[in-house]
């Protein structure tokens, strides 16, 4: 009988794919027409257009 034990190898746990985050625009804009978003040191503006579309500008 061989009593030599094999080293135990760690098996990485499977990583679940990240689900996209969904945010309601009304909650994000808080009844306003635009918000400013800071990203990577730059300021962007997310606003609602006259045709009720969203536009993001730098």
Protein backbone atom coordinates (compact mmCIF):
# COMPACT_ATOMS: atom_id res chain seq x y z
CA UNK A 1 0.00 0.00 0.00
CA UNK A 2 1.41 3.39 -0.98
CA UNK A 3 0.95 5.95 1.81
CA UNK A 4 2.54 8.82 -0.15
CA UNK A 5 0.02 11.64 -0.52
CA UNK A 6 -0.18 13.77 -3.61
CA UNK A 7 -0.13 17.55 -3.10
CA UNK A 8 -3.57 19.11 -3.23
CA UNK A 9 -4.06 21.53 -6.11
CA UNK A 10 -6.40 24.46 -5.73
CA UNK A 11 -9.14 24.54 -8.34
CA UNK A 12 -10.27 28.09 -9.13
CA UNK A 13 -13.96 28.73 -8.64
CA UNK A 14 -15.87 29.51 -11.83
CA UNK A 15 -16.42 33.21 -12.39
CA UNK A 16 -19.98 34.18 -13.20
CA UNK A 17 -20.34 36.69 -16.01
CA UNK A 18 -21.18 40.17 -14.77
CA UNK A 19 -24.71 41.23 -15.53
CA UNK A 20 -25.13 44.68 -17.06
CA UNK A 21 -26.32 47.30 -14.62
CA UNK A 22 -29.65 48.80 -15.58
CA UNK A 23 -30.61 52.23 -14.22
CA UNK A 24 -33.89 53.99 -14.89
CA UNK A 25 -33.13 57.35 -16.53
CA UNK A 26 -35.78 59.13 -14.44
CA UNK A 27 -34.09 57.95 -11.25
CA UNK A 28 -30.68 58.92 -12.61
CA UNK A 29 -31.76 62.40 -13.71
CA UNK A 30 -33.99 62.95 -10.63
CA UNK A 31 -36.69 64.83 -12.55
CA UNK A 32 -34.08 67.13 -14.12
CA UNK A 33 -33.08 67.41 -17.76
CA UNK A 34 -29.32 66.78 -17.39
CA UNK A 35 -26.59 65.53 -15.10
CA UNK A 36 -22.82 65.79 -15.12
CA UNK A 37 -20.75 62.61 -14.94
CA UNK A 38 -17.05 62.62 -14.07
CA UNK A 39 -15.03 59.89 -15.75
CA UNK A 40 -11.26 59.56 -15.91
CA UNK A 41 -10.78 63.21 -14.94
CA UNK A 42 -13.21 64.52 -17.57
CA UNK A 43 -16.72 65.92 -17.16
CA UNK A 44 -19.49 64.61 -19.40
CA UNK A 45 -23.10 65.78 -19.62
CA UNK A 46 -25.98 63.34 -20.01
CA UNK A 47 -29.12 65.16 -21.08
CA UNK A 48 -32.58 64.61 -22.50
CA UNK A 49 -33.10 66.13 -25.96
CA UNK A 50 -36.22 67.83 -27.28
CA UNK A 51 -37.14 64.52 -28.96
CA UNK A 52 -36.90 62.75 -25.57
CA UNK A 53 -33.66 60.94 -26.44
CA UNK A 54 -30.54 60.73 -24.29
CA UNK A 55 -27.27 62.28 -25.45
CA UNK A 56 -23.88 62.14 -23.75
CA UNK A 57 -21.41 64.92 -24.57
CA UNK A 58 -17.92 65.77 -23.38
